[in-house]
N, C-alpha and C. Protein backbone atom coordinates (compact mmCIF):
# COMPACT_ATOMS: atom_id res chain seq x y z
N MET A 1 -54.43 99.91 -6.11
CA MET A 1 -53.06 99.91 -5.44
C MET A 1 -51.78 100.50 -5.32
N THR A 2 -51.23 101.83 -4.00
CA THR A 2 -49.68 102.61 -4.44
C THR A 2 -49.24 100.87 -4.72
N SER A 3 -47.64 101.34 -5.80
CA SER A 3 -47.33 100.23 -5.61
C SER A 3 -45.92 100.27 -4.53
N ILE A 4 -46.38 101.27 -3.14
CA ILE A 4 -45.54 101.10 -1.84
C ILE A 4 -46.80 100.06 -1.08
N THR A 5 -48.15 99.76 -1.89
CA THR A 5 -48.54 99.01 -1.28
C THR A 5 -48.98 97.26 -1.31
N TYR A 6 -48.59 97.92 -2.83
CA TYR A 6 -48.10 95.83 -3.88
C TYR A 6 -47.14 95.43 -3.22
N LEU A 7 -46.15 95.87 -3.12
CA LEU A 7 -44.24 95.92 -1.97
C LEU A 7 -44.71 95.04 -0.81
N LYS A 8 -45.36 95.14 -0.26
CA LYS A 8 -45.49 94.87 1.25
C LYS A 8 -46.85 94.24 1.71
N SER A 9 -47.57 94.01 0.23
CA SER A 9 -48.58 92.32 -0.32
C SER A 9 -47.72 90.91 -0.39
N ILE A 10 -46.66 91.73 -1.38
CA ILE A 10 -45.68 90.19 -1.87
C ILE A 10 -44.40 90.53 -0.38
N PHE A 11 -44.13 91.19 0.06
CA PHE A 11 -43.00 90.86 0.52
C PHE A 11 -43.42 91.38 1.91
N GLU A 12 -42.49 90.48 3.85
CA GLU A 12 -42.56 90.87 4.63
C GLU A 12 -41.84 93.06 4.50
N PHE A 13 -42.27 94.03 4.94
CA PHE A 13 -41.02 94.44 5.23
C PHE A 13 -41.45 94.35 7.44
N GLN A 14 -39.87 94.22 7.31
CA GLN A 14 -39.10 94.22 8.79
C GLN A 14 -39.07 95.60 9.48
N ASN A 15 -38.07 96.21 9.10
CA ASN A 15 -38.68 98.01 9.33
C ASN A 15 -39.07 98.88 8.54
N GLU A 16 -40.80 98.23 8.31
CA GLU A 16 -41.49 99.52 7.23
C GLU A 16 -41.01 100.88 6.51
N LYS A 17 -41.18 101.90 8.54
CA LYS A 17 -40.72 103.03 8.50
C LYS A 17 -39.57 103.28 7.28
N GLU A 18 -38.75 103.53 7.77
CA GLU A 18 -37.29 103.13 7.51
C GLU A 18 -37.14 102.66 4.98
N ILE A 19 -38.20 101.07 5.64
CA ILE A 19 -38.43 101.39 3.75
C ILE A 19 -39.16 101.83 2.92
N ILE A 20 -39.57 102.26 4.28
CA ILE A 20 -40.66 103.55 2.64
C ILE A 20 -40.07 104.92 2.48
N ASN A 21 -38.94 104.88 3.34
CA ASN A 21 -38.90 106.55 3.11
C ASN A 21 -37.93 106.04 1.65
N TYR A 22 -36.75 104.93 2.41
CA TYR A 22 -36.21 105.28 1.86
C TYR A 22 -36.49 104.56 0.33
N LEU A 23 -37.73 104.08 -0.03
CA LEU A 23 -38.35 104.07 -1.76
C LEU A 23 -38.95 105.71 -1.95
N GLU A 24 -39.35 105.77 -0.84
CA GLU A 24 -39.82 107.43 -1.75
C GLU A 24 -38.65 108.63 -1.88
N ASN A 25 -36.95 107.30 -1.82
CA ASN A 25 -35.92 107.73 -2.29
C ASN A 25 -35.51 107.40 -3.44
N ASN A 26 -35.85 105.82 -3.86
CA ASN A 26 -35.45 105.00 -4.47
C ASN A 26 -36.46 104.68 -5.86
N GLU A 27 -37.62 105.53 -5.69
CA GLU A 27 -39.30 105.53 -6.52
C GLU A 27 -38.61 103.77 -8.09
N ASP A 28 -36.95 104.87 -8.60
CA ASP A 28 -37.21 103.07 -9.22
C ASP A 28 -36.95 101.70 -9.40
N LEU A 29 -36.53 102.30 -8.08
CA LEU A 29 -35.92 100.27 -7.21
C LEU A 29 -38.24 99.83 -7.26
N ILE A 30 -38.92 99.99 -6.83
CA ILE A 30 -40.55 100.52 -6.65
C ILE A 30 -40.26 98.56 -7.97
N PRO A 31 -40.69 99.06 -9.00
CA PRO A 31 -40.70 98.40 -10.16
C PRO A 31 -39.77 97.18 -10.23
N LEU A 32 -38.69 97.63 -10.03
CA LEU A 32 -37.15 96.48 -10.05
C LEU A 32 -37.32 94.67 -8.67
N LEU A 33 -37.99 95.40 -7.83
CA LEU A 33 -38.16 94.10 -6.76
C LEU A 33 -39.42 94.02 -7.05
N GLU A 34 -40.47 94.31 -7.80
CA GLU A 34 -41.10 93.73 -8.43
C GLU A 34 -41.50 92.45 -9.09
N GLU A 35 -40.46 92.93 -10.16
CA GLU A 35 -39.19 91.65 -11.00
C GLU A 35 -38.88 91.27 -10.08
N ALA A 36 -38.04 90.97 -8.88
CA ALA A 36 -36.96 90.58 -8.12
C ALA A 36 -38.64 89.30 -8.29
N LYS A 37 -39.71 89.88 -7.39
CA LYS A 37 -39.53 88.79 -7.13
C LYS A 37 -40.27 87.53 -7.65
N ILE A 38 -41.25 88.10 -8.52
CA ILE A 38 -42.15 86.96 -10.18
C ILE A 38 -40.15 86.62 -10.37
N ALA A 39 -39.22 87.10 -10.54
CA ALA A 39 -37.46 86.44 -10.86
C ALA A 39 -37.79 85.40 -9.54
N LEU A 40 -37.90 85.75 -8.52
CA LEU A 40 -36.91 84.98 -7.30
C LEU A 40 -38.27 83.30 -6.79
N HIS A 41 -39.14 83.60 -7.71
CA HIS A 41 -40.28 82.56 -7.16
C HIS A 41 -40.45 81.79 -8.99
N SER A 42 -39.41 81.83 -9.68
CA SER A 42 -39.00 81.40 -11.11
C SER A 42 -38.17 80.11 -10.67
N PHE A 43 -36.89 80.73 -9.57
CA PHE A 43 -35.97 80.22 -8.99
C PHE A 43 -36.11 79.30 -8.02
N PHE A 44 -36.95 80.15 -7.29
CA PHE A 44 -37.07 79.05 -6.10
C PHE A 44 -37.86 78.62 -5.40
N GLY A 45 -39.30 78.28 -6.75
CA GLY A 45 -40.77 77.87 -6.03
C GLY A 45 -41.53 79.08 -5.37
N ASP A 46 -42.75 78.11 -5.91
CA ASP A 46 -43.84 79.97 -5.44
C ASP A 46 -44.24 79.22 -3.89
N LEU A 47 -43.66 78.89 -3.32
CA LEU A 47 -43.54 78.66 -1.86
C LEU A 47 -42.43 79.52 -1.27
N VAL A 48 -42.03 79.81 -1.83
CA VAL A 48 -40.19 80.75 -1.28
C VAL A 48 -42.00 82.49 -0.73
N SER A 49 -40.40 82.93 0.81
CA SER A 49 -41.55 83.76 0.74
C SER A 49 -40.37 84.52 1.30
N LEU A 50 -41.02 85.58 1.20
CA LEU A 50 -39.83 87.20 1.00
C LEU A 50 -40.07 87.99 2.11
N SER A 51 -38.82 88.83 2.50
CA SER A 51 -38.70 90.11 3.04
C SER A 51 -37.16 90.89 3.17
N LEU A 52 -37.83 91.68 3.43
CA LEU A 52 -37.77 92.90 3.30
C LEU A 52 -37.03 94.09 4.13
N GLU A 53 -35.67 94.16 4.23
CA GLU A 53 -34.57 95.04 5.30
C GLU A 53 -34.34 96.56 4.79
N TYR A 54 -34.45 96.81 5.50
CA TYR A 54 -34.03 98.91 4.83
C TYR A 54 -32.77 98.39 5.90
N ASN A 55 -31.28 98.54 5.37
CA ASN A 55 -29.90 98.15 6.65
C ASN A 55 -29.15 99.64 5.84
N LEU A 56 -28.23 100.00 7.16
CA LEU A 56 -27.39 101.50 6.97
C LEU A 56 -26.41 100.61 7.72
N GLU A 57 -24.88 101.30 7.19
CA GLU A 57 -23.86 101.38 7.02
C GLU A 57 -22.72 102.12 6.88
N LEU A 58 -22.62 102.12 8.28
CA LEU A 58 -21.39 102.96 7.78
C LEU A 58 -20.28 103.42 7.53
N GLU A 59 -19.78 103.60 6.32
CA GLU A 59 -18.66 103.17 6.54
C GLU A 59 -17.42 103.25 7.14
N GLN A 60 -15.90 102.34 7.35
CA GLN A 60 -15.27 101.96 8.26
C GLN A 60 -14.28 102.74 7.99
N TYR A 61 -13.32 103.90 6.01
CA TYR A 61 -12.85 104.03 6.22
C TYR A 61 -13.06 105.80 6.17
N GLU A 62 -14.83 106.38 5.92
CA GLU A 62 -14.81 107.09 6.83
C GLU A 62 -15.93 108.18 7.06
N GLU A 63 -16.13 108.76 8.55
CA GLU A 63 -16.88 109.08 9.64
C GLU A 63 -17.99 108.93 8.88
N ASP A 64 -18.44 110.51 7.73
CA ASP A 64 -19.55 111.69 7.03
C ASP A 64 -19.83 109.88 6.01
N GLN A 65 -19.41 109.00 5.57
CA GLN A 65 -20.00 108.25 4.99
C GLN A 65 -20.92 107.35 5.43
N GLN A 66 -21.76 106.77 3.94
CA GLN A 66 -23.12 106.53 5.04
C GLN A 66 -23.37 105.70 3.91
N MET A 67 -23.57 103.60 4.12
CA MET A 67 -24.05 103.60 2.58
C MET A 67 -25.45 102.55 3.21
N GLU A 68 -26.42 102.40 2.39
CA GLU A 68 -28.13 101.93 2.43
C GLU A 68 -28.25 101.69 2.01
N TYR A 69 -29.13 100.22 1.36
CA TYR A 69 -29.58 99.50 0.86
C TYR A 69 -30.96 97.98 1.75
N LEU A 70 -31.38 98.34 1.43
CA LEU A 70 -32.78 96.97 0.73
C LEU A 70 -32.11 96.02 0.89
N ILE A 71 -32.08 95.33 1.59
CA ILE A 71 -31.84 93.19 1.74
C ILE A 71 -33.44 92.50 1.40
N ILE A 72 -32.91 91.17 0.28
CA ILE A 72 -34.43 90.33 0.37
C ILE A 72 -33.93 89.35 0.88
N PHE A 73 -34.29 89.40 1.41
CA PHE A 73 -33.78 88.16 2.71
C PHE A 73 -35.38 86.87 2.03
N ILE A 74 -34.61 85.78 1.46
CA ILE A 74 -35.51 84.08 0.95
C ILE A 74 -35.64 83.59 1.64
N LYS A 75 -36.83 83.66 2.54
CA LYS A 75 -37.55 82.11 3.28
C LYS A 75 -37.65 80.80 2.33
N SER A 76 -37.61 79.79 2.26
CA SER A 76 -37.39 78.79 1.15
C SER A 76 -37.18 76.90 2.21
N SER A 77 -37.93 76.27 2.57
CA SER A 77 -37.43 74.92 2.35
C SER A 77 -36.59 73.84 2.27
N ILE A 78 -36.42 73.70 0.92
CA ILE A 78 -35.27 73.02 0.23
C ILE A 78 -33.94 72.64 1.13
N TYR A 79 -33.72 72.81 0.59
CA TYR A 79 -32.56 72.40 1.21
C TYR A 79 -31.26 73.22 0.86
N PHE A 80 -29.92 73.04 1.16
CA PHE A 80 -29.43 74.18 1.61
C PHE A 80 -28.33 74.73 0.57
N ASP A 81 -27.84 72.79 -0.40
CA ASP A 81 -26.66 72.49 -1.45
C ASP A 81 -27.93 73.59 -2.66
N LEU A 82 -29.16 73.03 -2.88
CA LEU A 82 -30.13 73.41 -3.79
C LEU A 82 -30.80 74.46 -3.81
N PHE A 83 -30.75 75.46 -2.49
CA PHE A 83 -30.82 77.14 -2.68
C PHE A 83 -29.59 77.62 -3.02
N MET A 84 -28.60 77.61 -2.23
CA MET A 84 -27.31 78.04 -2.79
C MET A 84 -27.21 76.80 -4.34
N GLN A 85 -27.24 76.58 -4.94
CA GLN A 85 -26.95 76.54 -6.41
C GLN A 85 -27.85 77.39 -7.27
N GLN A 86 -29.19 77.32 -7.38
CA GLN A 86 -30.51 78.38 -6.78
C GLN A 86 -30.14 79.56 -6.73
N LEU A 87 -29.46 79.62 -6.08
CA LEU A 87 -28.94 81.15 -5.79
C LEU A 87 -27.93 82.11 -7.33
N ARG A 88 -26.82 80.96 -6.93
CA ARG A 88 -26.08 81.29 -7.99
C ARG A 88 -26.80 81.17 -9.66
N LYS A 89 -27.28 80.18 -9.39
CA LYS A 89 -28.45 80.50 -10.64
C LYS A 89 -28.90 81.66 -11.51
N PHE A 90 -29.10 81.95 -10.06
CA PHE A 90 -30.55 83.73 -9.64
C PHE A 90 -29.01 85.28 -10.55
N SER A 91 -28.13 84.25 -9.19
CA SER A 91 -26.83 85.41 -10.07
C SER A 91 -26.82 85.81 -11.20
N ASP A 92 -26.48 85.07 -11.36
CA ASP A 92 -25.54 85.39 -13.13
C ASP A 92 -27.02 85.56 -13.91
N GLN A 93 -27.70 84.64 -13.67
CA GLN A 93 -29.09 85.41 -14.73
C GLN A 93 -29.38 86.44 -14.12
N TRP A 94 -30.38 86.55 -13.32
CA TRP A 94 -30.61 88.02 -13.31
C TRP A 94 -31.03 89.64 -12.56
N ILE A 95 -29.67 89.43 -11.75
CA ILE A 95 -29.07 89.96 -10.83
C ILE A 95 -27.37 90.51 -11.97
N LEU A 96 -26.72 90.04 -12.27
CA LEU A 96 -26.24 90.84 -13.32
C LEU A 96 -26.97 91.47 -14.75
N LYS A 97 -28.50 90.58 -15.23
CA LYS A 97 -29.14 91.49 -16.56
C LYS A 97 -29.16 92.69 -15.40
N ASN A 98 -29.67 92.72 -14.58
CA ASN A 98 -30.03 93.96 -14.01
C ASN A 98 -29.21 94.80 -12.81
N SER A 99 -27.67 95.09 -12.83
CA SER A 99 -26.69 94.69 -11.79
C SER A 99 -26.61 97.01 -12.71
N ASP A 100 -26.81 96.93 -13.65
CA ASP A 100 -26.95 98.37 -13.33
C ASP A 100 -28.04 99.54 -13.52
N LYS A 101 -29.50 98.68 -12.95
CA LYS A 101 -30.47 99.41 -12.39
C LYS A 101 -30.09 99.29 -11.09
N ILE A 102 -29.41 98.33 -10.36
CA ILE A 102 -29.74 98.13 -9.08
C ILE A 102 -28.77 98.86 -8.08
N LYS A 103 -27.83 99.28 -8.89
CA LYS A 103 -25.83 99.96 -9.13
C LYS A 103 -26.19 99.52 -6.94
N GLY A 104 -26.14 98.77 -6.03
CA GLY A 104 -25.68 98.03 -4.62
C GLY A 104 -26.46 99.11 -3.64
N ARG A 105 -27.71 99.02 -4.10
CA ARG A 105 -28.57 99.30 -3.60
C ARG A 105 -30.02 98.66 -3.30
N PHE A 106 -29.58 97.62 -3.68
CA PHE A 106 -30.34 96.00 -2.73
C PHE A 106 -29.41 95.01 -2.11
N ALA A 107 -30.31 94.13 -1.97
CA ALA A 107 -29.17 92.35 -1.84
C ALA A 107 -30.23 91.58 -1.48
N PHE A 108 -29.20 90.58 -1.46
CA PHE A 108 -30.82 89.22 -1.11
C PHE A 108 -29.46 88.12 -0.65
N GLY A 109 -29.92 88.16 0.77
CA GLY A 109 -30.48 86.88 1.75
C GLY A 109 -31.26 85.58 2.23
N HIS A 110 -30.22 84.68 2.56
CA HIS A 110 -30.76 83.85 2.75
C HIS A 110 -31.71 83.23 4.50
N THR A 111 -32.82 82.85 5.08
CA THR A 111 -33.37 82.78 6.38
C THR A 111 -34.12 81.70 6.33
N HIS A 112 -33.53 81.65 7.45
CA HIS A 112 -34.93 79.97 8.11
C HIS A 112 -36.07 80.67 8.48
């Protein structure tokens, strides 16, 4: 099983073609996304579901600049306050530890 195929088995890809293209150009993110999945399950439990979405933003200050990144959406049935508490812990522990590898190339969000 290729790494991208494995990622497709653990994340629901929202815009698959764009995600695959982005990952092919940022191959070092693949093992980091695999690690993120494990960490997210340890913080939010095994019942959490994860989706991945490619996002492209045009910078408002300079016309020719664009920012592209992935968003990991976390879907959980836990109460919102508890979710936010866990997300802060996840941010303080896992995201800060890996920020030099992430380099703004993916972010996290919550969905219902």
